[in-house]
Amino acid sequence: MEWQQFEYFQVVARMQHITRAAETLSISQPALSRSIARLEEELGVPLFERQGRTIRLNHYGELFLKRVDRIMKEFQEGKQEIQDLLDPGYGEVSFGFMPTLGTYLIPNLISSFQVDYPNVNFRFKQNANDSLLAQLESGEIDFCLVSSIEDNPQVQWIELWSEELFIIVPSHHRLAHYESVTLQEIADEPFVLLEKGNGLRGITDQLFHEAGISPKVTFEGAEVHTIVAFVTAGLGVTLIPDFKGIDWDKISRIRVQSPNCQRVIGLAWLEGRYLSPSAKRFQQFIINYFAK
């Protein structure tokens, strides 16, 4: 069994079409068909159901593809590990963060790191909490900044900092001049909140649950600035941290007496996954950055 057979099988399994797979691999269709046939002969079972030039993985093929994907992934990571050792001053870091952190924190964090490590490149993923964790587990990102997470033996998470959450109301609201309120005092207000799946939305839902409140949600948005714009227009109130870059002239920020309204942000990574030297260096930089 040859290494090339694994590569050919993986492409054919993904495309499910011999002719198109052959074009992608830049080999002839008969040569590709012979390679797949030899592989099936060595394994002793057919891997595809054939319908002309269109083929479909059978049960054996689906099982074998999982193993081949794992083998190819290990090979690529091993190759990358050697390249990183040969040139540790360079590399690429794949880093995810929540949209609420992108306007003020991430640019400062990256620029501070690149003062000392200018040759490290970044691939960024900006997404909701749940989506970032899914991308982490699938291997799309090395690590991410997310809210506190549910117990998951695969995901390691370390707390970095916490932020107080405030009730935000229009400046003409009846509570606008209050220094503090309880969540029960605003239970009947219309709320504008971030969409489900966002880490901050998960926290606010939990706080409402603890307070015994079922909020009337009139709008759900993907961006904090959109939420604030709705509050400014008098379309509801919200519960968010004191974000930089928000115009506070037309809205008021009120502390919450009870329950304790905070969100905790931390760094998450996958236990046992290989991290390049540049990724490890950036990981430690983040931890030290917030420890100061």
Protein backbone atom coordinates (compact mmCIF):
# COMPACT_ATOMS: atom_id res chain seq x y z
CA MET A 1 0.00 0.00 0.00
CA GLU A 2 1.44 3.33 -1.08
CA TRP A 3 1.07 6.75 0.51
CA GLN A 4 -0.21 8.13 -2.78
CA GLN A 5 -3.15 5.74 -2.62
CA PHE A 6 -4.32 7.42 0.60
CA GLU A 7 -4.21 10.83 -1.08
CA TYR A 8 -6.08 9.58 -4.15
CA PHE A 9 -8.71 7.81 -2.05
CA GLN A 10 -9.28 10.91 0.10
CA VAL A 11 -9.90 13.13 -2.95
CA VAL A 12 -12.20 10.60 -4.65
CA ALA A 13 -14.13 10.10 -1.39
CA ARG A 14 -14.66 13.85 -1.06
CA MET A 15 -15.65 14.49 -4.68
CA GLN A 16 -17.54 11.22 -5.33
CA HIS A 17 -16.71 11.48 -9.05
CA ILE A 18 -13.77 9.75 -10.71
CA THR A 19 -13.36 12.12 -13.67
CA ARG A 20 -13.47 15.31 -11.60
CA ALA A 21 -11.17 13.78 -8.98
CA ALA A 22 -8.68 12.83 -11.70
CA GLU A 23 -8.71 16.40 -13.02
CA THR A 24 -8.12 17.74 -9.50
CA LEU A 25 -5.20 15.35 -8.99
CA SER A 26 -3.82 16.02 -12.50
CA ILE A 27 -3.73 12.33 -13.43
CA SER A 28 -5.66 10.30 -16.00
CA GLN A 29 -9.02 8.81 -15.11
CA PRO A 30 -7.86 5.21 -15.86
CA ALA A 31 -4.78 5.64 -13.64
CA LEU A 32 -6.93 6.87 -10.78
CA SER A 33 -9.40 4.02 -11.23
CA ARG A 34 -6.55 1.48 -11.16
CA SER A 35 -5.14 3.04 -7.97
CA ILE A 36 -8.53 2.79 -6.20
CA ALA A 37 -9.00 -0.78 -7.46
CA ARG A 38 -5.55 -1.82 -6.09
CA LEU A 39 -6.39 -0.22 -2.74
CA GLU A 40 -9.68 -2.14 -2.55
CA GLU A 41 -7.88 -5.34 -3.51
CA GLU A 42 -5.32 -4.87 -0.73
CA LEU A 43 -8.06 -4.18 1.81
CA GLY A 44 -10.16 -7.08 0.60
CA VAL A 45 -13.42 -5.08 0.39
CA PRO A 46 -14.99 -2.57 -2.02
CA LEU A 47 -14.97 1.00 -0.72
CA PHE A 48 -17.46 2.52 -3.17
CA GLU A 49 -20.79 1.84 -4.79
CA ARG A 50 -20.35 2.62 -8.48
CA GLN A 51 -22.91 4.16 -10.81
CA GLY A 52 -21.05 4.97 -14.02
CA ARG A 53 -18.45 7.65 -13.31
CA THR A 54 -20.31 8.73 -10.19
CA ILE A 55 -19.36 6.74 -7.11
CA ARG A 56 -20.48 6.81 -3.51
CA LEU A 57 -18.76 5.62 -0.36
CA ASN A 58 -20.20 2.46 1.13
CA HIS A 59 -20.05 1.52 4.82
CA TYR A 60 -16.47 0.19 4.52
CA GLY A 61 -15.41 3.33 2.67
CA GLU A 62 -16.86 5.63 5.32
CA LEU A 63 -14.99 3.78 8.08
CA PHE A 64 -11.74 3.78 6.11
CA LEU A 65 -12.05 7.50 5.25
CA LYS A 66 -12.11 8.39 8.97
CA ARG A 67 -8.82 6.52 9.42
CA VAL A 68 -7.25 8.06 6.31
CA ASP A 69 -8.28 11.56 7.41
CA ARG A 70 -6.60 10.91 10.76
CA ILE A 71 -3.45 9.56 9.11
CA MET A 72 -3.21 12.54 6.75
CA LYS A 73 -3.80 15.00 9.58
CA GLU A 74 -1.04 13.39 11.68
CA PHE A 75 1.29 13.52 8.68
CA GLN A 76 0.59 17.21 8.03
CA GLU A 77 1.06 18.09 11.70
CA GLY A 78 4.31 16.10 11.83
CA LYS A 79 5.59 17.86 8.74
CA GLN A 80 4.58 21.24 10.18
CA GLU A 81 6.25 20.42 13.50
CA ILE A 82 9.57 19.72 11.75
CA GLN A 83 9.29 22.93 9.70
CA ASP A 84 8.58 24.92 12.86
CA LEU A 85 11.61 23.45 14.60
CA LEU A 86 13.79 24.39 11.63
CA ASP A 87 12.52 27.98 11.66
CA PRO A 88 10.92 28.77 15.06
CA GLY A 89 11.02 32.55 14.53
CA TYR A 90 8.33 32.30 11.89
CA GLY A 91 4.99 30.59 11.73
CA GLU A 92 1.26 31.10 11.64
CA VAL A 93 -1.22 31.30 14.50
CA SER A 94 -4.93 30.65 14.02
CA PHE A 95 -6.77 32.64 16.66
CA GLY A 96 -10.48 33.06 17.38
CA PHE A 97 -12.31 35.70 19.39
CA MET A 98 -15.82 36.97 20.06
CA PRO A 99 -17.02 39.99 18.03
CA THR A 100 -17.41 42.03 21.22
CA LEU A 101 -13.63 41.90 21.70
CA GLY A 102 -12.67 42.87 18.17
CA THR A 103 -13.17 46.63 18.38
CA TYR A 104 -10.86 47.41 21.26
CA LEU A 105 -8.88 44.50 22.69
CA ILE A 106 -7.66 42.27 19.87
CA PRO A 107 -5.87 44.98 17.80
CA ASN A 108 -3.91 46.11 20.88
CA LEU A 109 -3.09 42.52 21.83
CA ILE A 110 -1.77 41.60 18.38
CA SER A 111 0.23 44.80 17.90
CA SER A 112 1.87 44.34 21.32
CA PHE A 113 2.88 40.77 20.43
CA GLN A 114 4.28 41.72 17.03
CA VAL A 115 6.61 44.30 18.54
CA ASP A 116 8.80 41.35 19.57
CA TYR A 117 7.64 38.78 17.00
CA PRO A 118 7.03 40.64 13.72
CA ASN A 119 7.41 37.55 11.51
CA VAL A 120 4.54 35.58 13.05
CA ASN A 121 1.42 35.68 10.88
CA PHE A 122 -2.17 35.36 12.07
CA ARG A 123 -5.39 33.88 10.74
CA PHE A 124 -8.36 35.28 12.63
CA LYS A 125 -11.82 33.85 13.23
CA GLN A 126 -14.39 36.22 14.70
CA ASN A 127 -17.46 34.33 15.81
CA ALA A 128 -19.99 33.58 18.55
CA ASN A 129 -18.92 31.57 21.59
CA ASP A 130 -20.44 28.23 20.50
CA SER A 131 -19.12 28.55 16.94
CA LEU A 132 -15.60 29.29 18.18
CA LEU A 133 -15.62 26.19 20.37
CA ALA A 134 -16.82 24.11 17.41
CA GLN A 135 -14.00 25.53 15.26
CA LEU A 136 -11.54 24.78 18.06
CA GLU A 137 -12.62 21.13 18.24
CA SER A 138 -12.53 20.75 14.45
CA GLY A 139 -8.96 22.09 14.28
CA GLU A 140 -9.74 25.31 12.42
CA ILE A 141 -8.17 27.44 15.16
CA ASP A 142 -5.35 26.92 17.67
CA PHE A 143 -7.13 28.65 20.55
CA CYS A 144 -9.73 31.31 21.23
CA LEU A 145 -10.94 33.92 23.70
CA VAL A 146 -14.39 32.92 24.92
CA SER A 147 -16.71 33.23 27.89
CA SER A 148 -16.63 30.56 30.59
CA ILE A 149 -17.57 27.19 29.11
CA GLU A 150 -19.37 24.04 30.17
CA ASP A 151 -17.26 21.12 31.38
CA ASN A 152 -15.54 19.50 28.43
CA PRO A 153 -12.60 17.13 29.04
CA GLN A 154 -11.16 17.95 25.61
CA VAL A 155 -11.13 21.73 26.03
CA GLN A 156 -8.76 23.46 28.43
CA TRP A 157 -9.84 26.92 29.60
CA ILE A 158 -8.05 29.45 31.80
CA GLU A 159 -9.69 32.57 33.20
CA LEU A 160 -8.05 35.84 32.13
CA TRP A 161 -10.33 38.66 33.30
CA SER A 162 -13.90 39.52 34.24
CA GLU A 163 -16.17 42.42 33.25
CA GLU A 164 -19.13 43.94 35.05
CA LEU A 165 -22.43 43.95 33.12
CA PHE A 166 -24.61 47.07 33.22
CA ILE A 167 -28.22 47.77 32.40
CA ILE A 168 -28.21 50.16 29.41
CA VAL A 169 -31.27 52.37 28.91
CA PRO A 170 -32.07 55.42 26.74
CA SER A 171 -31.10 58.74 28.34
CA HIS A 172 -34.80 59.70 28.61
CA HIS A 173 -35.77 56.43 30.34
CA ARG A 174 -37.51 56.56 33.73
CA LEU A 175 -34.52 54.79 35.33
CA ALA A 176 -31.83 56.72 33.47
CA HIS A 177 -30.66 58.65 36.57
CA TYR A 178 -30.63 55.65 38.92
CA GLU A 179 -27.21 54.55 40.17
CA SER A 180 -28.31 50.94 40.52
CA VAL A 181 -31.32 48.63 40.11
CA THR A 182 -32.12 44.95 40.49
CA LEU A 183 -33.00 42.80 37.51
CA GLN A 184 -36.47 42.37 39.00
CA GLU A 185 -37.03 46.14 38.72
CA ILE A 186 -36.64 45.99 34.95
CA ALA A 187 -38.32 42.60 34.46
CA ASP A 188 -41.22 44.12 32.50
CA GLU A 189 -39.04 46.18 30.14
CA PRO A 190 -38.67 45.18 26.48
CA PHE A 191 -35.15 43.80 25.92
CA VAL A 192 -32.85 43.94 22.91
CA LEU A 193 -30.24 41.19 23.20
CA LEU A 194 -27.50 39.49 21.26
CA GLU A 195 -28.40 36.37 19.29
CA LYS A 196 -28.48 32.89 20.80
CA GLY A 197 -25.06 31.20 20.62
CA ASN A 198 -23.25 34.39 21.56
CA GLY A 199 -21.32 33.97 24.82
CA LEU A 200 -22.73 37.17 26.30
CA ARG A 201 -26.28 36.07 25.45
CA GLY A 202 -25.70 32.81 27.28
CA ILE A 203 -24.59 34.74 30.36
CA THR A 204 -27.57 37.12 30.30
CA ASP A 205 -29.99 34.21 29.86
CA GLN A 206 -28.47 32.52 32.91
CA LEU A 207 -28.74 35.74 34.96
CA PHE A 208 -32.40 36.13 33.99
CA HIS A 209 -32.99 32.51 34.98
CA GLU A 210 -31.32 33.04 38.38
CA ALA A 211 -33.48 36.12 38.95
CA GLY A 212 -36.66 34.24 37.99
CA ILE A 213 -37.28 36.51 35.01
CA SER A 214 -38.60 35.65 31.54
CA PRO A 215 -37.65 38.76 29.58
CA LYS A 216 -39.72 40.06 26.69
CA VAL A 217 -37.15 40.08 23.88
CA THR A 218 -38.16 42.43 21.07
CA PHE A 219 -34.98 42.20 18.99
CA GLU A 220 -31.92 39.92 18.72
CA GLY A 221 -28.83 41.24 16.95
CA ALA A 222 -25.41 39.93 15.93
CA GLU A 223 -23.43 43.05 16.91
CA VAL A 224 -23.26 45.03 20.16
CA HIS A 225 -23.33 48.35 18.29
CA THR A 226 -26.62 47.36 16.66
CA ILE A 227 -28.06 46.47 20.06
CA VAL A 228 -26.96 49.85 21.46
CA ALA A 229 -28.49 51.65 18.47
CA PHE A 230 -31.85 50.02 19.24
CA VAL A 231 -31.57 51.08 22.89
CA THR A 232 -30.69 54.64 21.82
CA ALA A 233 -33.83 54.70 19.67
CA GLY A 234 -35.94 53.78 22.69
CA LEU A 235 -36.80 50.29 21.46
CA GLY A 236 -35.73 48.49 24.62
CA VAL A 237 -33.03 48.05 27.23
CA THR A 238 -30.07 45.67 27.33
CA LEU A 239 -27.42 44.15 29.60
CA ILE A 240 -23.81 44.49 28.40
CA PRO A 241 -20.30 45.37 29.66
CA ASP A 242 -18.86 48.89 29.44
CA PHE A 243 -17.59 48.57 25.87
CA LYS A 244 -15.15 51.07 24.44
CA GLY A 245 -16.19 52.78 21.24
CA ILE A 246 -19.83 53.24 22.31
CA ASP A 247 -21.37 56.72 22.25
CA TRP A 248 -22.73 57.18 25.79
CA ASP A 249 -24.32 60.61 25.16
CA LYS A 250 -27.80 59.23 24.42
CA ILE A 251 -27.83 56.22 26.75
CA SER A 252 -27.31 55.64 30.47
CA ARG A 253 -25.40 52.91 32.25
CA ILE A 254 -26.88 51.52 35.49
CA ARG A 255 -25.24 49.09 37.92
CA VAL A 256 -27.10 45.91 38.85
CA GLN A 257 -27.55 45.35 42.59
CA SER A 258 -28.52 41.71 42.25
CA PRO A 259 -27.74 39.18 41.04
CA ASN A 260 -23.99 39.65 40.58
CA CYS A 261 -23.74 40.53 36.88
CA GLN A 262 -20.36 39.74 35.36
CA ARG A 263 -18.93 37.86 32.44
CA VAL A 264 -15.65 36.00 32.68
CA ILE A 265 -13.38 35.77 29.62
CA GLY A 266 -10.71 33.14 29.23
CA LEU A 267 -8.41 31.39 26.77
CA ALA A 268 -9.50 27.98 25.44
CA TRP A 269 -7.43 25.37 23.63
CA LEU A 270 -7.76 21.68 22.84
CA GLU A 271 -6.02 19.24 25.17
CA GLY A 272 -3.32 17.21 23.43
CA ARG A 273 -3.37 19.07 20.11
CA TYR A 274 -0.04 20.03 18.62
CA LEU A 275 0.73 23.76 18.81
CA SER A 276 3.58 25.27 16.81
CA PRO A 277 6.32 27.14 18.70
CA SER A 278 4.86 30.45 17.48
CA ALA A 279 1.38 29.43 18.70
CA LYS A 280 2.77 28.37 22.09
CA ARG A 281 4.66 31.64 22.31
CA PHE A 282 1.50 33.64 21.60
CA GLN A 283 -0.50 31.51 24.04
CA GLN A 284 1.92 32.33 26.84
CA PHE A 285 2.02 35.98 25.78
CA ILE A 286 -1.78 36.22 26.18
CA ILE A 287 -1.65 34.67 29.66
CA ASN A 288 1.15 37.04 30.75
CA TYR A 289 -0.58 40.03 29.12
CA PHE A 290 -3.66 39.69 31.30
CA ALA A 291 -1.75 38.64 34.39
CA LYS A 292 -0.26 42.15 34.43
